[in-house]
Amino acid sequence: MPKPKSDRDSWRLQVDRLGEAQARPGQFDARAPSGFDEIVVGKWLHLERMNTAGWWLRLGDREADIIVKPDGTAEVTWREEGF
């Protein structure tokens, strides 16, 4: 795979397939049952599943914890300090 020209060209999507993490930079294959686990775009976006209801988000220099409630709504808590 060619090296990205810059951080803007770099991305990674990770899914779990049958209990095994599948991480392939620049590729995505969802032919088998899978669940979204993580997406990273350059250095400006990182969204990662922490458990069944919890997510961690880094957007630019800000971080947030996200809890998805049983009714499908989300509670977002922005951290005071960036990373």
PDB file of N, CA and C in Angstrom:
ATOM      1  N   MET A   1       0.842  -1.183   0.000  1.00  0.00           N
ATOM      2  CA  MET A   1       0.000   0.000   0.000  1.00  0.00           C
ATOM      3  C   MET A   1       0.885   1.244   0.000  1.00  0.00           C
ATOM      4  N   PRO A   2       0.594   2.241  -0.850  1.00  0.00           N
ATOM      5  CA  PRO A   2       1.409   3.455  -0.891  1.00  0.00           C
ATOM      6  C   PRO A   2       1.294   4.241   0.411  1.00  0.00           C
ATOM      7  N   LYS A   3       2.371   4.885   0.784  1.00  0.00           N
ATOM      8  CA  LYS A   3       2.374   5.715   1.989  1.00  0.00           C
ATOM      9  C   LYS A   3       1.516   6.960   1.751  1.00  0.00           C
ATOM     10  N   PRO A   4       0.679   7.362   2.756  1.00  0.00           N
ATOM     11  CA  PRO A   4      -0.130   8.570   2.590  1.00  0.00           C
ATOM     12  C   PRO A   4       0.745   9.798   2.343  1.00  0.00           C
ATOM     13  N   LYS A   5       0.252  10.721   1.536  1.00  0.00           N
ATOM     14  CA  LYS A   5       0.986  11.942   1.235  1.00  0.00           C
ATOM     15  C   LYS A   5       1.067  12.856   2.453  1.00  0.00           C
ATOM     16  N   SER A   6       0.036  12.827   3.280  1.00  0.00           N
ATOM     17  CA  SER A   6       0.002  13.651   4.483  1.00  0.00           C
ATOM     18  C   SER A   6      -0.969  13.014   5.464  1.00  0.00           C
ATOM     19  N   ASP A   7      -1.059  13.586   6.670  1.00  0.00           N
ATOM     20  CA  ASP A   7      -2.007  13.074   7.663  1.00  0.00           C
ATOM     21  C   ASP A   7      -3.443  13.172   7.165  1.00  0.00           C
ATOM     22  N   ARG A   8      -3.713  14.120   6.279  1.00  0.00           N
ATOM     23  CA  ARG A   8      -5.070  14.262   5.743  1.00  0.00           C
ATOM     24  C   ARG A   8      -5.433  13.073   4.870  1.00  0.00           C
ATOM     25  N   ASP A   9      -4.436  12.384   4.323  1.00  0.00           N
ATOM     26  CA  ASP A   9      -4.683  11.245   3.448  1.00  0.00           C
ATOM     27  C   ASP A   9      -4.700   9.918   4.201  1.00  0.00           C
ATOM     28  N   SER A  10      -4.448   9.943   5.489  1.00  0.00           N
ATOM     29  CA  SER A  10      -4.334   8.721   6.276  1.00  0.00           C
ATOM     30  C   SER A  10      -5.643   8.424   6.995  1.00  0.00           C
ATOM     31  N   TRP A  11      -6.119   7.171   6.902  1.00  0.00           N
ATOM     32  CA  TRP A  11      -7.313   6.779   7.647  1.00  0.00           C
ATOM     33  C   TRP A  11      -7.263   5.300   7.943  1.00  0.00           C
ATOM     34  N   ARG A  12      -8.003   4.896   8.979  1.00  0.00           N
ATOM     35  CA  ARG A  12      -8.090   3.492   9.358  1.00  0.00           C
ATOM     36  C   ARG A  12      -9.488   3.239   9.912  1.00  0.00           C
ATOM     37  N   LEU A  13     -10.104   2.154   9.486  1.00  0.00           N
ATOM     38  CA  LEU A  13     -11.394   1.725  10.012  1.00  0.00           C
ATOM     39  C   LEU A  13     -11.212   0.320  10.530  1.00  0.00           C
ATOM     40  N   GLN A  14     -11.584   0.098  11.769  1.00  0.00           N
ATOM     41  CA  GLN A  14     -11.427  -1.231  12.351  1.00  0.00           C
ATOM     42  C   GLN A  14     -12.794  -1.771  12.732  1.00  0.00           C
ATOM     43  N   VAL A  15     -13.060  -3.002  12.338  1.00  0.00           N
ATOM     44  CA  VAL A  15     -14.297  -3.683  12.697  1.00  0.00           C
ATOM     45  C   VAL A  15     -13.938  -5.002  13.361  1.00  0.00           C
ATOM     46  N   ASP A  16     -14.862  -5.521  14.147  1.00  0.00           N
ATOM     47  CA  ASP A  16     -14.683  -6.837  14.737  1.00  0.00           C
ATOM     48  C   ASP A  16     -15.427  -7.842  13.885  1.00  0.00           C
ATOM     49  N   ARG A  17     -14.745  -8.897  13.481  1.00  0.00           N
ATOM     50  CA  ARG A  17     -15.369  -9.952  12.697  1.00  0.00           C
ATOM     51  C   ARG A  17     -15.272 -11.247  13.484  1.00  0.00           C
ATOM     52  N   LEU A  18     -16.421 -11.762  13.886  1.00  0.00           N
ATOM     53  CA  LEU A  18     -16.469 -13.025  14.612  1.00  0.00           C
ATOM     54  C   LEU A  18     -15.510 -13.037  15.786  1.00  0.00           C
ATOM     55  N   GLY A  19     -15.472 -11.899  16.513  1.00  0.00           N
ATOM     56  CA  GLY A  19     -14.651 -11.810  17.709  1.00  0.00           C
ATOM     57  C   GLY A  19     -13.195 -11.493  17.470  1.00  0.00           C
ATOM     58  N   GLU A  20     -12.783 -11.318  16.231  1.00  0.00           N
ATOM     59  CA  GLU A  20     -11.387 -10.999  15.938  1.00  0.00           C
ATOM     60  C   GLU A  20     -11.306  -9.605  15.324  1.00  0.00           C
ATOM     61  N   ALA A  21     -10.429  -8.789  15.859  1.00  0.00           N
ATOM     62  CA  ALA A  21     -10.253  -7.451  15.308  1.00  0.00           C
ATOM     63  C   ALA A  21      -9.599  -7.537  13.946  1.00  0.00           C
ATOM     64  N   GLN A  22     -10.129  -6.802  12.993  1.00  0.00           N
ATOM     65  CA  GLN A  22      -9.596  -6.755  11.631  1.00  0.00           C
ATOM     66  C   GLN A  22      -9.218  -5.311  11.336  1.00  0.00           C
ATOM     67  N   ALA A  23      -7.948  -4.988  11.352  1.00  0.00           N
ATOM     68  CA  ALA A  23      -7.506  -3.625  11.058  1.00  0.00           C
ATOM     69  C   ALA A  23      -6.639  -3.646   9.813  1.00  0.00           C
ATOM     70  N   ARG A  24      -7.102  -2.992   8.787  1.00  0.00           N
ATOM     71  CA  ARG A  24      -6.340  -2.893   7.544  1.00  0.00           C
ATOM     72  C   ARG A  24      -6.374  -1.436   7.099  1.00  0.00           C
ATOM     73  N   PRO A  25      -5.271  -0.724   7.227  1.00  0.00           N
ATOM     74  CA  PRO A  25      -5.279   0.671   6.791  1.00  0.00           C
ATOM     75  C   PRO A  25      -5.760   0.800   5.349  1.00  0.00           C
ATOM     76  N   GLY A  26      -6.741   1.676   5.143  1.00  0.00           N
ATOM     77  CA  GLY A  26      -7.228   1.958   3.807  1.00  0.00           C
ATOM     78  C   GLY A  26      -8.163   0.926   3.218  1.00  0.00           C
ATOM     79  N   GLN A  27      -8.549  -0.101   3.984  1.00  0.00           N
ATOM     80  CA  GLN A  27      -9.431  -1.136   3.457  1.00  0.00           C
ATOM     81  C   GLN A  27     -10.579  -1.395   4.421  1.00  0.00           C
ATOM     82  N   PHE A  28     -11.685  -1.876   3.877  1.00  0.00           N
ATOM     83  CA  PHE A  28     -12.839  -2.239   4.700  1.00  0.00           C
ATOM     84  C   PHE A  28     -13.549  -3.399   4.030  1.00  0.00           C
ATOM     85  N   ASP A  29     -13.840  -4.434   4.790  1.00  0.00           N
ATOM     86  CA  ASP A  29     -14.517  -5.613   4.260  1.00  0.00           C
ATOM     87  C   ASP A  29     -15.560  -6.047   5.277  1.00  0.00           C
ATOM     88  N   ALA A  30     -16.826  -5.940   4.910  1.00  0.00           N
ATOM     89  CA  ALA A  30     -17.901  -6.287   5.841  1.00  0.00           C
ATOM     90  C   ALA A  30     -18.757  -7.410   5.284  1.00  0.00           C
ATOM     91  N   ARG A  31     -18.145  -8.363   4.598  1.00  0.00           N
ATOM     92  CA  ARG A  31     -18.908  -9.476   4.046  1.00  0.00           C
ATOM     93  C   ARG A  31     -19.396 -10.421   5.133  1.00  0.00           C
ATOM     94  N   ALA A  32     -18.664 -10.515   6.237  1.00  0.00           N
ATOM     95  CA  ALA A  32     -19.068 -11.365   7.358  1.00  0.00           C
ATOM     96  C   ALA A  32     -19.715 -10.481   8.425  1.00  0.00           C
ATOM     97  N   PRO A  33     -20.491 -11.083   9.342  1.00  0.00           N
ATOM     98  CA  PRO A  33     -21.074 -10.275  10.420  1.00  0.00           C
ATOM     99  C   PRO A  33     -19.984  -9.486  11.137  1.00  0.00           C
ATOM    100  N   SER A  34     -20.217  -8.202  11.313  1.00  0.00           N
ATOM    101  CA  SER A  34     -19.200  -7.363  11.922  1.00  0.00           C
ATOM    102  C   SER A  34     -19.853  -6.263  12.739  1.00  0.00           C
ATOM    103  N   GLY A  35     -19.071  -5.636  13.589  1.00  0.00           N
ATOM    104  CA  GLY A  35     -19.527  -4.514  14.389  1.00  0.00           C
ATOM    105  C   GLY A  35     -18.499  -3.408  14.322  1.00  0.00           C
ATOM    106  N   PHE A  36     -18.941  -2.195  14.178  1.00  0.00           N
ATOM    107  CA  PHE A  36     -18.056  -1.036  14.090  1.00  0.00           C
ATOM    108  C   PHE A  36     -17.295  -0.879  15.392  1.00  0.00           C
ATOM    109  N   ASP A  37     -15.984  -0.736  15.318  1.00  0.00           N
ATOM    110  CA  ASP A  37     -15.161  -0.601  16.513  1.00  0.00           C
ATOM    111  C   ASP A  37     -14.410   0.716  16.562  1.00  0.00           C
ATOM    112  N   GLU A  38     -13.827   1.136  15.460  1.00  0.00           N
ATOM    113  CA  GLU A  38     -12.945   2.293  15.503  1.00  0.00           C
ATOM    114  C   GLU A  38     -12.792   2.905  14.119  1.00  0.00           C
ATOM    115  N   ILE A  39     -12.705   4.235  14.100  1.00  0.00           N
ATOM    116  CA  ILE A  39     -12.325   4.929  12.870  1.00  0.00           C
ATOM    117  C   ILE A  39     -11.323   6.012  13.235  1.00  0.00           C
ATOM    118  N   VAL A  40     -10.276   6.108  12.440  1.00  0.00           N
ATOM    119  CA  VAL A  40      -9.239   7.110  12.636  1.00  0.00           C
ATOM    120  C   VAL A  40      -9.012   7.784  11.290  1.00  0.00           C
ATOM    121  N   VAL A  41      -9.051   9.110  11.286  1.00  0.00           N
ATOM    122  CA  VAL A  41      -8.780   9.873  10.073  1.00  0.00           C
ATOM    123  C   VAL A  41      -7.667  10.860  10.405  1.00  0.00           C
ATOM    124  N   GLY A  42      -6.493  10.629   9.805  1.00  0.00           N
ATOM    125  CA  GLY A  42      -5.356  11.509  10.079  1.00  0.00           C
ATOM    126  C   GLY A  42      -5.113  11.628  11.567  1.00  0.00           C
ATOM    127  N   LYS A  43      -4.814  12.842  12.001  1.00  0.00           N
ATOM    128  CA  LYS A  43      -4.620  13.105  13.436  1.00  0.00           C
ATOM    129  C   LYS A  43      -5.763  13.937  14.002  1.00  0.00           C
ATOM    130  N   TRP A  44      -6.819  14.182  13.201  1.00  0.00           N
ATOM    131  CA  TRP A  44      -7.861  15.088  13.654  1.00  0.00           C
ATOM    132  C   TRP A  44      -9.132  14.386  14.125  1.00  0.00           C
ATOM    133  N   LEU A  45      -9.331  13.084  13.794  1.00  0.00           N
ATOM    134  CA  LEU A  45     -10.549  12.376  14.207  1.00  0.00           C
ATOM    135  C   LEU A  45     -10.215  10.963  14.645  1.00  0.00           C
ATOM    136  N   HIS A  46     -10.691  10.600  15.827  1.00  0.00           N
ATOM    137  CA  HIS A  46     -10.526   9.232  16.332  1.00  0.00           C
ATOM    138  C   HIS A  46     -11.770   8.919  17.163  1.00  0.00           C
ATOM    139  N   LEU A  47     -12.572   7.958  16.697  1.00  0.00           N
ATOM    140  CA  LEU A  47     -13.767   7.508  17.401  1.00  0.00           C
ATOM    141  C   LEU A  47     -13.592   6.026  17.674  1.00  0.00           C
ATOM    142  N   GLU A  48     -13.690   5.633  18.946  1.00  0.00           N
ATOM    143  CA  GLU A  48     -13.412   4.249  19.314  1.00  0.00           C
ATOM    144  C   GLU A  48     -14.428   3.730  20.326  1.00  0.00           C
ATOM    145  N   ARG A  49     -14.943   2.535  20.044  1.00  0.00           N
ATOM    146  CA  ARG A  49     -15.867   1.883  20.971  1.00  0.00           C
ATOM    147  C   ARG A  49     -15.070   1.359  22.162  1.00  0.00           C
ATOM    148  N   MET A  50     -15.528   1.700  23.367  1.00  0.00           N
ATOM    149  CA  MET A  50     -14.848   1.263  24.577  1.00  0.00           C
ATOM    150  C   MET A  50     -15.543   0.049  25.190  1.00  0.00           C
ATOM    151  N   ASN A  51     -16.862  -0.021  25.048  1.00  0.00           N
ATOM    152  CA  ASN A  51     -17.672  -1.157  25.502  1.00  0.00           C
ATOM    153  C   ASN A  51     -19.005  -1.080  24.763  1.00  0.00           C
ATOM    154  N   THR A  52     -19.996  -1.850  25.173  1.00  0.00           N
ATOM    155  CA  THR A  52     -21.243  -1.907  24.398  1.00  0.00           C
ATOM    156  C   THR A  52     -21.973  -0.570  24.320  1.00  0.00           C
ATOM    157  N   ALA A  53     -21.843   0.281  25.319  1.00  0.00           N
ATOM    158  CA  ALA A  53     -22.553   1.561  25.295  1.00  0.00           C
ATOM    159  C   ALA A  53     -21.617   2.762  25.304  1.00  0.00           C
ATOM    160  N   GLY A  54     -20.340   2.548  25.538  1.00  0.00           N
ATOM    161  CA  GLY A  54     -19.413   3.657  25.691  1.00  0.00           C
ATOM    162  C   GLY A  54     -18.489   3.853  24.505  1.00  0.00           C
ATOM    163  N   TRP A  55     -18.270   5.117  24.169  1.00  0.00           N
ATOM    164  CA  TRP A  55     -17.390   5.509  23.073  1.00  0.00           C
ATOM    165  C   TRP A  55     -16.456   6.605  23.552  1.00  0.00           C
ATOM    166  N   TRP A  56     -15.280   6.690  22.940  1.00  0.00           N
ATOM    167  CA  TRP A  56     -14.328   7.767  23.199  1.00  0.00           C
ATOM    168  C   TRP A  56     -14.102   8.487  21.878  1.00  0.00           C
ATOM    169  N   LEU A  57     -14.079   9.818  21.917  1.00  0.00           N
ATOM    170  CA  LEU A  57     -13.931  10.626  20.715  1.00  0.00           C
ATOM    171  C   LEU A  57     -12.813  11.635  20.905  1.00  0.00           C
ATOM    172  N   ARG A  58     -11.935  11.743  19.904  1.00  0.00           N
ATOM    173  CA  ARG A  58     -10.986  12.852  19.837  1.00  0.00           C
ATOM    174  C   ARG A  58     -11.273  13.575  18.536  1.00  0.00           C
ATOM    175  N   LEU A  59     -11.582  14.840  18.647  1.00  0.00           N
ATOM    176  CA  LEU A  59     -11.868  15.677  17.488  1.00  0.00           C
ATOM    177  C   LEU A  59     -10.948  16.888  17.574  1.00  0.00           C
ATOM    178  N   GLY A  60      -9.939  16.918  16.715  1.00  0.00           N
ATOM    179  CA  GLY A  60      -8.933  17.976  16.819  1.00  0.00           C
ATOM    180  C   GLY A  60      -8.191  17.830  18.134  1.00  0.00           C
ATOM    181  N   ASP A  61      -8.210  18.867  18.948  1.00  0.00           N
ATOM    182  CA  ASP A  61      -7.533  18.801  20.243  1.00  0.00           C
ATOM    183  C   ASP A  61      -8.515  18.627  21.405  1.00  0.00           C
ATOM    184  N   ARG A  62      -9.736  18.206  21.107  1.00  0.00           N
ATOM    185  CA  ARG A  62     -10.748  17.982  22.148  1.00  0.00           C
ATOM    186  C   ARG A  62     -11.053  16.503  22.288  1.00  0.00           C
ATOM    187  N   GLU A  63     -11.416  16.077  23.494  1.00  0.00           N
ATOM    188  CA  GLU A  63     -11.796  14.693  23.766  1.00  0.00           C
ATOM    189  C   GLU A  63     -13.167  14.662  24.424  1.00  0.00           C
ATOM    190  N   ALA A  64     -13.917  13.601  24.150  1.00  0.00           N
ATOM    191  CA  ALA A  64     -15.237  13.440  24.752  1.00  0.00           C
ATOM    192  C   ALA A  64     -15.486  11.970  25.057  1.00  0.00           C
ATOM    193  N   ASP A  65     -16.277  11.745  26.082  1.00  0.00           N
ATOM    194  CA  ASP A  65     -16.799  10.416  26.388  1.00  0.00           C
ATOM    195  C   ASP A  65     -18.260  10.422  25.976  1.00  0.00           C
ATOM    196  N   ILE A  66     -18.689   9.358  25.313  1.00  0.00           N
ATOM    197  CA  ILE A  66     -20.058   9.269  24.814  1.00  0.00           C
ATOM    198  C   ILE A  66     -20.679   7.990  25.351  1.00  0.00           C
ATOM    199  N   ILE A  67     -21.851   8.109  25.938  1.00  0.00           N
ATOM    200  CA  ILE A  67     -22.614   6.957  26.405  1.00  0.00           C
ATOM    201  C   ILE A  67     -23.908   6.910  25.599  1.00  0.00           C
ATOM    202  N   VAL A  68     -24.141   5.796  24.922  1.00  0.00           N
ATOM    203  CA  VAL A  68     -25.372   5.610  24.161  1.00  0.00           C
ATOM    204  C   VAL A  68     -26.378   4.918  25.072  1.00  0.00           C
ATOM    205  N   LYS A  69     -27.496   5.589  25.315  1.00  0.00           N
ATOM    206  CA  LYS A  69     -28.525   5.073  26.212  1.00  0.00           C
ATOM    207  C   LYS A  69     -29.386   4.028  25.505  1.00  0.00           C
ATOM    208  N   PRO A  70     -30.101   3.212  26.268  1.00  0.00           N
ATOM    209  CA  PRO A  70     -30.945   2.175  25.666  1.00  0.00           C
ATOM    210  C   PRO A  70     -31.964   2.710  24.656  1.00  0.00           C
ATOM    211  N   ASP A  71     -32.405   3.969  24.817  1.00  0.00           N
ATOM    212  CA  ASP A  71     -33.381   4.532  23.878  1.00  0.00           C
ATOM    213  C   ASP A  71     -32.719   5.070  22.601  1.00  0.00           C
ATOM    214  N   GLY A  72     -31.376   4.937  22.489  1.00  0.00           N
ATOM    215  CA  GLY A  72     -30.671   5.361  21.300  1.00  0.00           C
ATOM    216  C   GLY A  72     -30.128   6.780  21.352  1.00  0.00           C
ATOM    217  N   THR A  73     -30.485   7.541  22.372  1.00  0.00           N
ATOM    218  CA  THR A  73     -29.928   8.887  22.504  1.00  0.00           C
ATOM    219  C   THR A  73     -28.528   8.786  23.108  1.00  0.00           C
ATOM    220  N   ALA A  74     -27.759   9.849  22.961  1.00  0.00           N
ATOM    221  CA  ALA A  74     -26.378   9.846  23.446  1.00  0.00           C
ATOM    222  C   ALA A  74     -26.161  10.950  24.470  1.00  0.00           C
ATOM    223  N   GLU A  75     -25.365  10.623  25.477  1.00  0.00           N
ATOM    224  CA  GLU A  75     -24.933  11.603  26.473  1.00  0.00           C
ATOM    225  C   GLU A  75     -23.448  11.860  26.203  1.00  0.00           C
ATOM    226  N   VAL A  76     -23.114  13.100  25.854  1.00  0.00           N
ATOM    227  CA  VAL A  76     -21.740  13.457  25.499  1.00  0.00           C
ATOM    228  C   VAL A  76     -21.157  14.330  26.596  1.00  0.00           C
ATOM    229  N   THR A  77     -19.996  13.931  27.094  1.00  0.00           N
ATOM    230  CA  THR A  77     -19.288  14.697  28.119  1.00  0.00           C
ATOM    231  C   THR A  77     -17.930  15.111  27.555  1.00  0.00           C
ATOM    232  N   TRP A  78     -17.760  16.395  27.307  1.00  0.00           N
ATOM    233  CA  TRP A  78     -16.479  16.904  26.794  1.00  0.00           C
ATOM    234  C   TRP A  78     -15.514  17.048  27.949  1.00  0.00           C
ATOM    235  N   ARG A  79     -14.297  16.579  27.773  1.00  0.00           N
ATOM    236  CA  ARG A  79     -13.270  16.684  28.806  1.00  0.00           C
ATOM    237  C   ARG A  79     -12.737  18.113  28.824  1.00  0.00           C
ATOM    238  N   GLU A  80     -12.361  18.560  30.025  1.00  0.00           N
ATOM    239  CA  GLU A  80     -11.880  19.921  30.204  1.00  0.00           C
ATOM    240  C   GLU A  80     -10.573  20.161  29.455  1.00  0.00           C
ATOM    241  N   GLU A  81      -9.672  19.202  29.520  1.00  0.00           N
ATOM    242  CA  GLU A  81      -8.368  19.343  28.885  1.00  0.00           C
ATOM    243  C   GLU A  81      -8.332  18.520  27.607  1.00  0.00           C
ATOM    244  N   GLY A  82      -7.646  19.007  26.609  1.00  0.00           N
ATOM    245  CA  GLY A  82      -7.416  18.236  25.400  1.00  0.00           C
ATOM    246  C   GLY A  82      -6.350  17.193  25.652  1.00  0.00           C
ATOM    247  N   PHE A  83      -5.997  16.446  24.623  1.00  0.00           N
ATOM    248  CA  PHE A  83      -4.984  15.409  24.817  1.00  0.00           C
ATOM    249  C   PHE A  83      -3.594  15.978  24.668  1.00  0.00           C
TER     250      PHE A  83
END
